């Protein structure tokens, strides 16, 4: 099981990263602005549930690495740390100017929008890399049951993403207009998220 410190540290980082401007949440906002609350929420929940596929890959991959070779796990952590640092630098260099654009209106059902969100997230290779880099940061190998720890972390990430994306879909109109009127808000969210990425990445590298 996860310790309280482990859980809350991960939850805080996950909430911040999920809330920062990115393709998924901007698509949810765009869907909600153009189609309404229920379609926006359906698409957002689909995007969140898509994280479960990446969790399964992370559980299988990291557990296999630890069983095969602690050195291989260390290599994964170092590579993952470098990837997080790279993501952080990109966010810190961002010039902001986030704009939320409504998606092209259509008439798909709520179920189809949900599965469209699941598919869009599940096939995104960048999300796969992110999960393989981010989740091991909060694994405490000395506690054992690494696979269970990663599964619980992935479920926590999915749950908070479902909540935030659902709220984004519900309040899409107001949030989208607010961001469009205040492009520098996205800039500062990028700055904070970038700092978190760099900090986590460096910590992952030096804690091996």
C-alpha atoms as a PDB file:
ATOM      1  CA  UNK A   1       0.000   0.000   0.000  1.00  0.00           C
ATOM      2  CA  UNK A   2       1.002   3.636  -0.363  1.00  0.00           C
ATOM      3  CA  UNK A   3       2.168   5.625   2.635  1.00  0.00           C
ATOM      4  CA  UNK A   4       0.280   8.874   3.370  1.00  0.00           C
ATOM      5  CA  UNK A   5       3.333  10.959   2.458  1.00  0.00           C
ATOM      6  CA  UNK A   6       3.799   9.015  -0.780  1.00  0.00           C
ATOM      7  CA  UNK A   7       0.120   9.349  -1.723  1.00  0.00           C
ATOM      8  CA  UNK A   8      -0.314  13.051  -1.013  1.00  0.00           C
ATOM      9  CA  UNK A   9       2.975  14.042  -2.651  1.00  0.00           C
ATOM     10  CA  UNK A  10       1.936  12.154  -5.783  1.00  0.00           C
ATOM     11  CA  UNK A  11      -1.601  13.559  -5.711  1.00  0.00           C
ATOM     12  CA  UNK A  12      -0.355  17.147  -5.452  1.00  0.00           C
ATOM     13  CA  UNK A  13       2.014  16.706  -8.405  1.00  0.00           C
ATOM     14  CA  UNK A  14      -0.633  14.889 -10.468  1.00  0.00           C
ATOM     15  CA  UNK A  15      -3.257  17.602  -9.886  1.00  0.00           C
ATOM     16  CA  UNK A  16      -0.852  20.343 -10.919  1.00  0.00           C
ATOM     17  CA  UNK A  17       0.296  18.510 -14.039  1.00  0.00           C
ATOM     18  CA  UNK A  18      -3.264  17.632 -15.087  1.00  0.00           C
ATOM     19  CA  UNK A  19      -4.431  21.227 -14.616  1.00  0.00           C
ATOM     20  CA  UNK A  20      -1.596  22.745 -16.670  1.00  0.00           C
ATOM     21  CA  UNK A  21      -2.448  23.502 -20.324  1.00  0.00           C
ATOM     22  CA  UNK A  22      -2.006  20.474 -22.563  1.00  0.00           C
ATOM     23  CA  UNK A  23      -3.617  18.711 -25.537  1.00  0.00           C
ATOM     24  CA  UNK A  24      -6.065  16.661 -23.460  1.00  0.00           C
ATOM     25  CA  UNK A  25      -7.546  19.376 -21.277  1.00  0.00           C
ATOM     26  CA  UNK A  26      -7.635  21.897 -24.129  1.00  0.00           C
ATOM     27  CA  UNK A  27      -9.545  19.358 -26.249  1.00  0.00           C
ATOM     28  CA  UNK A  28     -11.966  18.816 -23.364  1.00  0.00           C
ATOM     29  CA  UNK A  29     -12.507  22.564 -23.055  1.00  0.00           C
ATOM     30  CA  UNK A  30     -12.991  22.895 -26.806  1.00  0.00           C
ATOM     31  CA  UNK A  31     -15.485  20.027 -26.846  1.00  0.00           C
ATOM     32  CA  UNK A  32     -17.438  21.487 -23.956  1.00  0.00           C
ATOM     33  CA  UNK A  33     -17.505  24.959 -25.509  1.00  0.00           C
ATOM     34  CA  UNK A  34     -18.796  23.724 -28.869  1.00  0.00           C
ATOM     35  CA  UNK A  35     -21.062  20.797 -27.876  1.00  0.00           C
ATOM     36  CA  UNK A  36     -22.135  21.541 -24.322  1.00  0.00           C
ATOM     37  CA  UNK A  37     -21.533  20.208 -20.840  1.00  0.00           C
ATOM     38  CA  UNK A  38     -22.466  16.544 -21.256  1.00  0.00           C
ATOM     39  CA  UNK A  39     -20.371  15.952 -24.412  1.00  0.00           C
ATOM     40  CA  UNK A  40     -17.435  17.772 -22.820  1.00  0.00           C
ATOM     41  CA  UNK A  41     -17.693  15.663 -19.689  1.00  0.00           C
ATOM     42  CA  UNK A  42     -18.047  12.427 -21.694  1.00  0.00           C
ATOM     43  CA  UNK A  43     -14.950  13.175 -23.757  1.00  0.00           C
ATOM     44  CA  UNK A  44     -12.997  14.262 -20.672  1.00  0.00           C
ATOM     45  CA  UNK A  45     -13.873  11.115 -18.738  1.00  0.00           C
ATOM     46  CA  UNK A  46     -12.784   9.059 -21.737  1.00  0.00           C
ATOM     47  CA  UNK A  47      -9.402  10.812 -21.783  1.00  0.00           C
ATOM     48  CA  UNK A  48      -8.979  10.076 -18.080  1.00  0.00           C
ATOM     49  CA  UNK A  49      -9.939   6.386 -18.368  1.00  0.00           C
ATOM     50  CA  UNK A  50      -7.415   6.042 -21.196  1.00  0.00           C
ATOM     51  CA  UNK A  51      -4.729   6.467 -18.525  1.00  0.00           C
ATOM     52  CA  UNK A  52      -5.513   2.954 -17.276  1.00  0.00           C
ATOM     53  CA  UNK A  53      -3.885   1.413 -20.355  1.00  0.00           C
ATOM     54  CA  UNK A  54      -0.670   3.297 -19.607  1.00  0.00           C
ATOM     55  CA  UNK A  55      -0.880   2.185 -15.973  1.00  0.00           C
ATOM     56  CA  UNK A  56      -1.015  -1.466 -17.052  1.00  0.00           C
ATOM     57  CA  UNK A  57       2.021  -0.969 -19.285  1.00  0.00           C
ATOM     58  CA  UNK A  58       3.904   0.721 -16.461  1.00  0.00           C
ATOM     59  CA  UNK A  59       3.024  -2.061 -13.991  1.00  0.00           C
ATOM     60  CA  UNK A  60       4.168  -4.781 -16.388  1.00  0.00           C
ATOM     61  CA  UNK A  61       7.241  -2.958 -17.636  1.00  0.00           C
ATOM     62  CA  UNK A  62       8.672  -1.674 -14.357  1.00  0.00           C
ATOM     63  CA  UNK A  63       7.913  -4.897 -12.477  1.00  0.00           C
ATOM     64  CA  UNK A  64       9.648  -6.932 -15.187  1.00  0.00           C
ATOM     65  CA  UNK A  65      12.676  -4.644 -15.101  1.00  0.00           C
ATOM     66  CA  UNK A  66      13.048  -4.966 -11.341  1.00  0.00           C
ATOM     67  CA  UNK A  67      12.731  -8.741 -11.564  1.00  0.00           C
ATOM     68  CA  UNK A  68      15.279  -8.906 -14.386  1.00  0.00           C
ATOM     69  CA  UNK A  69      17.856  -6.451 -13.167  1.00  0.00           C
ATOM     70  CA  UNK A  70      18.032  -3.669 -10.586  1.00  0.00           C
ATOM     71  CA  UNK A  71      20.541  -2.019 -12.923  1.00  0.00           C
ATOM     72  CA  UNK A  72      17.923  -1.921 -15.689  1.00  0.00           C
ATOM     73  CA  UNK A  73      15.459  -0.275 -13.280  1.00  0.00           C
ATOM     74  CA  UNK A  74      18.084   2.310 -12.409  1.00  0.00           C
ATOM     75  CA  UNK A  75      18.607   2.992 -16.110  1.00  0.00           C
ATOM     76  CA  UNK A  76      14.852   3.456 -16.545  1.00  0.00           C
ATOM     77  CA  UNK A  77      14.754   5.922 -13.658  1.00  0.00           C
ATOM     78  CA  UNK A  78      17.662   7.924 -15.086  1.00  0.00           C
ATOM     79  CA  UNK A  79      16.139   8.012 -18.577  1.00  0.00           C
ATOM     80  CA  UNK A  80      12.766   8.886 -17.099  1.00  0.00           C
ATOM     81  CA  UNK A  81      14.326  11.670 -15.063  1.00  0.00           C
ATOM     82  CA  UNK A  82      15.996  13.116 -18.141  1.00  0.00           C
ATOM     83  CA  UNK A  83      12.677  12.991 -20.003  1.00  0.00           C
ATOM     84  CA  UNK A  84      10.891  14.831 -17.182  1.00  0.00           C
ATOM     85  CA  UNK A  85      13.622  17.473 -17.137  1.00  0.00           C
ATOM     86  CA  UNK A  86      13.216  17.901 -20.900  1.00  0.00           C
ATOM     87  CA  UNK A  87       9.440  18.319 -20.501  1.00  0.00           C
ATOM     88  CA  UNK A  88      10.042  20.856 -17.752  1.00  0.00           C
ATOM     89  CA  UNK A  89      12.471  22.890 -19.835  1.00  0.00           C
ATOM     90  CA  UNK A  90       9.977  22.951 -22.712  1.00  0.00           C
ATOM     91  CA  UNK A  91       7.260  24.212 -20.360  1.00  0.00           C
ATOM     92  CA  UNK A  92       9.562  26.852 -18.859  1.00  0.00           C
ATOM     93  CA  UNK A  93      10.452  28.078 -22.352  1.00  0.00           C
ATOM     94  CA  UNK A  94       6.796  28.331 -23.348  1.00  0.00           C
ATOM     95  CA  UNK A  95       5.621  31.802 -24.295  1.00  0.00           C
ATOM     96  CA  UNK A  96       2.098  31.127 -23.135  1.00  0.00           C
ATOM     97  CA  UNK A  97      -0.653  32.498 -25.283  1.00  0.00           C
ATOM     98  CA  UNK A  98      -2.918  29.521 -24.637  1.00  0.00           C
ATOM     99  CA  UNK A  99      -6.094  29.769 -26.698  1.00  0.00           C
ATOM    100  CA  UNK A 100      -9.052  27.419 -26.382  1.00  0.00           C
ATOM    101  CA  UNK A 101     -10.766  26.798 -29.702  1.00  0.00           C
ATOM    102  CA  UNK A 102     -14.086  25.073 -30.086  1.00  0.00           C
ATOM    103  CA  UNK A 103     -13.928  21.791 -31.969  1.00  0.00           C
ATOM    104  CA  UNK A 104     -15.875  21.277 -35.177  1.00  0.00           C
ATOM    105  CA  UNK A 105     -19.478  20.571 -34.199  1.00  0.00           C
ATOM    106  CA  UNK A 106     -20.848  17.133 -34.987  1.00  0.00           C
ATOM    107  CA  UNK A 107     -23.462  14.721 -33.749  1.00  0.00           C
ATOM    108  CA  UNK A 108     -21.684  11.710 -32.201  1.00  0.00           C
ATOM    109  CA  UNK A 109     -23.355  10.092 -29.201  1.00  0.00           C
ATOM    110  CA  UNK A 110     -22.045  10.547 -25.677  1.00  0.00           C
ATOM    111  CA  UNK A 111     -20.776   6.953 -25.719  1.00  0.00           C
ATOM    112  CA  UNK A 112     -18.893   7.556 -28.930  1.00  0.00           C
ATOM    113  CA  UNK A 113     -17.356  10.729 -27.518  1.00  0.00           C
ATOM    114  CA  UNK A 114     -16.309   8.816 -24.400  1.00  0.00           C
ATOM    115  CA  UNK A 115     -14.556   6.104 -26.405  1.00  0.00           C
ATOM    116  CA  UNK A 116     -13.037   8.729 -28.681  1.00  0.00           C
ATOM    117  CA  UNK A 117     -11.418  10.231 -25.575  1.00  0.00           C
ATOM    118  CA  UNK A 118     -10.228   6.802 -24.388  1.00  0.00           C
ATOM    119  CA  UNK A 119      -8.721   6.048 -27.796  1.00  0.00           C
ATOM    120  CA  UNK A 120      -7.086   9.474 -28.178  1.00  0.00           C
ATOM    121  CA  UNK A 121      -5.314   9.080 -24.840  1.00  0.00           C
ATOM    122  CA  UNK A 122      -4.489   5.369 -25.096  1.00  0.00           C
ATOM    123  CA  UNK A 123      -2.652   5.635 -28.428  1.00  0.00           C
ATOM    124  CA  UNK A 124      -0.656   8.733 -27.496  1.00  0.00           C
ATOM    125  CA  UNK A 125       3.014   7.630 -27.252  1.00  0.00           C
ATOM    126  CA  UNK A 126       3.900  10.774 -25.306  1.00  0.00           C
ATOM    127  CA  UNK A 127       1.534   9.732 -22.520  1.00  0.00           C
ATOM    128  CA  UNK A 128       3.148   6.280 -22.423  1.00  0.00           C
ATOM    129  CA  UNK A 129       6.570   7.876 -21.991  1.00  0.00           C
ATOM    130  CA  UNK A 130       5.199  10.239 -19.363  1.00  0.00           C
ATOM    131  CA  UNK A 131       3.738   7.416 -17.258  1.00  0.00           C
ATOM    132  CA  UNK A 132       6.939   5.364 -17.482  1.00  0.00           C
ATOM    133  CA  UNK A 133       8.871   8.448 -16.354  1.00  0.00           C
ATOM    134  CA  UNK A 134       6.491   9.916 -13.785  1.00  0.00           C
ATOM    135  CA  UNK A 135       5.156   6.956 -11.802  1.00  0.00           C
ATOM    136  CA  UNK A 136       8.550   5.442 -10.794  1.00  0.00           C
ATOM    137  CA  UNK A 137       9.420   8.785  -9.166  1.00  0.00           C
ATOM    138  CA  UNK A 138       7.002   7.927  -6.350  1.00  0.00           C
ATOM    139  CA  UNK A 139       7.714   4.194  -6.055  1.00  0.00           C
ATOM    140  CA  UNK A 140       9.435   3.154  -2.836  1.00  0.00           C
ATOM    141  CA  UNK A 141      11.112  -0.093  -3.860  1.00  0.00           C
ATOM    142  CA  UNK A 142      12.147  -0.880  -0.290  1.00  0.00           C
ATOM    143  CA  UNK A 143       8.464  -1.201   0.672  1.00  0.00           C
ATOM    144  CA  UNK A 144       8.058  -4.099  -1.782  1.00  0.00           C
ATOM    145  CA  UNK A 145       5.076  -4.876  -4.045  1.00  0.00           C
ATOM    146  CA  UNK A 146       6.282  -2.432  -6.676  1.00  0.00           C
ATOM    147  CA  UNK A 147       3.632  -3.529  -9.142  1.00  0.00           C
ATOM    148  CA  UNK A 148       0.874  -2.783  -6.627  1.00  0.00           C
ATOM    149  CA  UNK A 149       2.388   0.612  -5.828  1.00  0.00           C
ATOM    150  CA  UNK A 150       2.452   1.569  -9.507  1.00  0.00           C
ATOM    151  CA  UNK A 151      -1.107   0.315  -9.988  1.00  0.00           C
ATOM    152  CA  UNK A 152      -2.354   2.405  -7.067  1.00  0.00           C
ATOM    153  CA  UNK A 153      -0.468   5.463  -8.325  1.00  0.00           C
ATOM    154  CA  UNK A 154      -1.937   4.983 -11.791  1.00  0.00           C
ATOM    155  CA  UNK A 155      -5.449   4.602 -10.382  1.00  0.00           C
ATOM    156  CA  UNK A 156      -4.938   7.752  -8.319  1.00  0.00           C
ATOM    157  CA  UNK A 157      -3.816   9.655 -11.402  1.00  0.00           C
ATOM    158  CA  UNK A 158      -6.810   8.360 -13.371  1.00  0.00           C
ATOM    159  CA  UNK A 159      -9.265   9.302 -10.605  1.00  0.00           C
ATOM    160  CA  UNK A 160      -8.016  12.864 -10.225  1.00  0.00           C
ATOM    161  CA  UNK A 161      -7.870  13.286 -14.015  1.00  0.00           C
ATOM    162  CA  UNK A 162     -11.484  12.075 -14.294  1.00  0.00           C
ATOM    163  CA  UNK A 163     -12.534  14.625 -11.668  1.00  0.00           C
ATOM    164  CA  UNK A 164     -10.641  17.536 -13.213  1.00  0.00           C
ATOM    165  CA  UNK A 165     -11.589  16.696 -16.813  1.00  0.00           C
ATOM    166  CA  UNK A 166     -15.222  16.250 -15.753  1.00  0.00           C
ATOM    167  CA  UNK A 167     -15.181  19.699 -14.140  1.00  0.00           C
ATOM    168  CA  UNK A 168     -13.458  21.142 -17.218  1.00  0.00           C
ATOM    169  CA  UNK A 169     -16.179  19.721 -19.440  1.00  0.00           C
ATOM    170  CA  UNK A 170     -18.930  21.012 -17.158  1.00  0.00           C
ATOM    171  CA  UNK A 171     -17.529  24.535 -16.831  1.00  0.00           C
ATOM    172  CA  UNK A 172     -15.906  24.600 -20.290  1.00  0.00           C
ATOM    173  CA  UNK A 173     -17.601  27.779 -21.503  1.00  0.00           C
ATOM    174  CA  UNK A 174     -16.618  29.936 -18.542  1.00  0.00           C
ATOM    175  CA  UNK A 175     -13.100  28.477 -18.202  1.00  0.00           C
ATOM    176  CA  UNK A 176     -12.386  28.696 -21.942  1.00  0.00           C
ATOM    177  CA  UNK A 177     -13.472  32.332 -22.106  1.00  0.00           C
ATOM    178  CA  UNK A 178     -11.431  33.163 -18.997  1.00  0.00           C
ATOM    179  CA  UNK A 179      -8.279  31.596 -20.460  1.00  0.00           C
ATOM    180  CA  UNK A 180      -8.806  33.305 -23.805  1.00  0.00           C
ATOM    181  CA  UNK A 181      -9.081  36.674 -22.064  1.00  0.00           C
ATOM    182  CA  UNK A 182      -6.005  35.965 -19.922  1.00  0.00           C
ATOM    183  CA  UNK A 183      -3.382  34.219 -22.064  1.00  0.00           C
ATOM    184  CA  UNK A 184      -0.718  34.842 -19.416  1.00  0.00           C
ATOM    185  CA  UNK A 185      -2.599  32.527 -17.038  1.00  0.00           C
ATOM    186  CA  UNK A 186      -1.530  29.624 -19.232  1.00  0.00           C
ATOM    187  CA  UNK A 187       2.024  30.983 -19.194  1.00  0.00           C
ATOM    188  CA  UNK A 188       2.209  30.888 -15.395  1.00  0.00           C
ATOM    189  CA  UNK A 189       0.648  27.421 -15.256  1.00  0.00           C
ATOM    190  CA  UNK A 190       3.362  26.289 -17.663  1.00  0.00           C
ATOM    191  CA  UNK A 191       6.028  27.874 -15.467  1.00  0.00           C
ATOM    192  CA  UNK A 192       4.802  26.106 -12.342  1.00  0.00           C
ATOM    193  CA  UNK A 193       4.360  22.763 -14.124  1.00  0.00           C
ATOM    194  CA  UNK A 194       7.797  23.132 -15.726  1.00  0.00           C
ATOM    195  CA  UNK A 195       9.399  23.703 -12.339  1.00  0.00           C
ATOM    196  CA  UNK A 196       7.670  20.592 -10.990  1.00  0.00           C
ATOM    197  CA  UNK A 197       8.849  18.501 -13.961  1.00  0.00           C
ATOM    198  CA  UNK A 198      12.465  19.640 -13.633  1.00  0.00           C
ATOM    199  CA  UNK A 199      12.458  19.090  -9.855  1.00  0.00           C
ATOM    200  CA  UNK A 200      10.953  15.608 -10.164  1.00  0.00           C
ATOM    201  CA  UNK A 201      13.309  14.700 -12.994  1.00  0.00           C
ATOM    202  CA  UNK A 202      16.440  15.766 -11.120  1.00  0.00           C
ATOM    203  CA  UNK A 203      15.247  14.017  -7.991  1.00  0.00           C
ATOM    204  CA  UNK A 204      14.627  10.844  -9.965  1.00  0.00           C
ATOM    205  CA  UNK A 205      18.149  10.964 -11.412  1.00  0.00           C
ATOM    206  CA  UNK A 206      20.016  11.595  -8.152  1.00  0.00           C
ATOM    207  CA  UNK A 207      17.923   9.212  -5.983  1.00  0.00           C
ATOM    208  CA  UNK A 208      19.010   6.059  -7.805  1.00  0.00           C
END
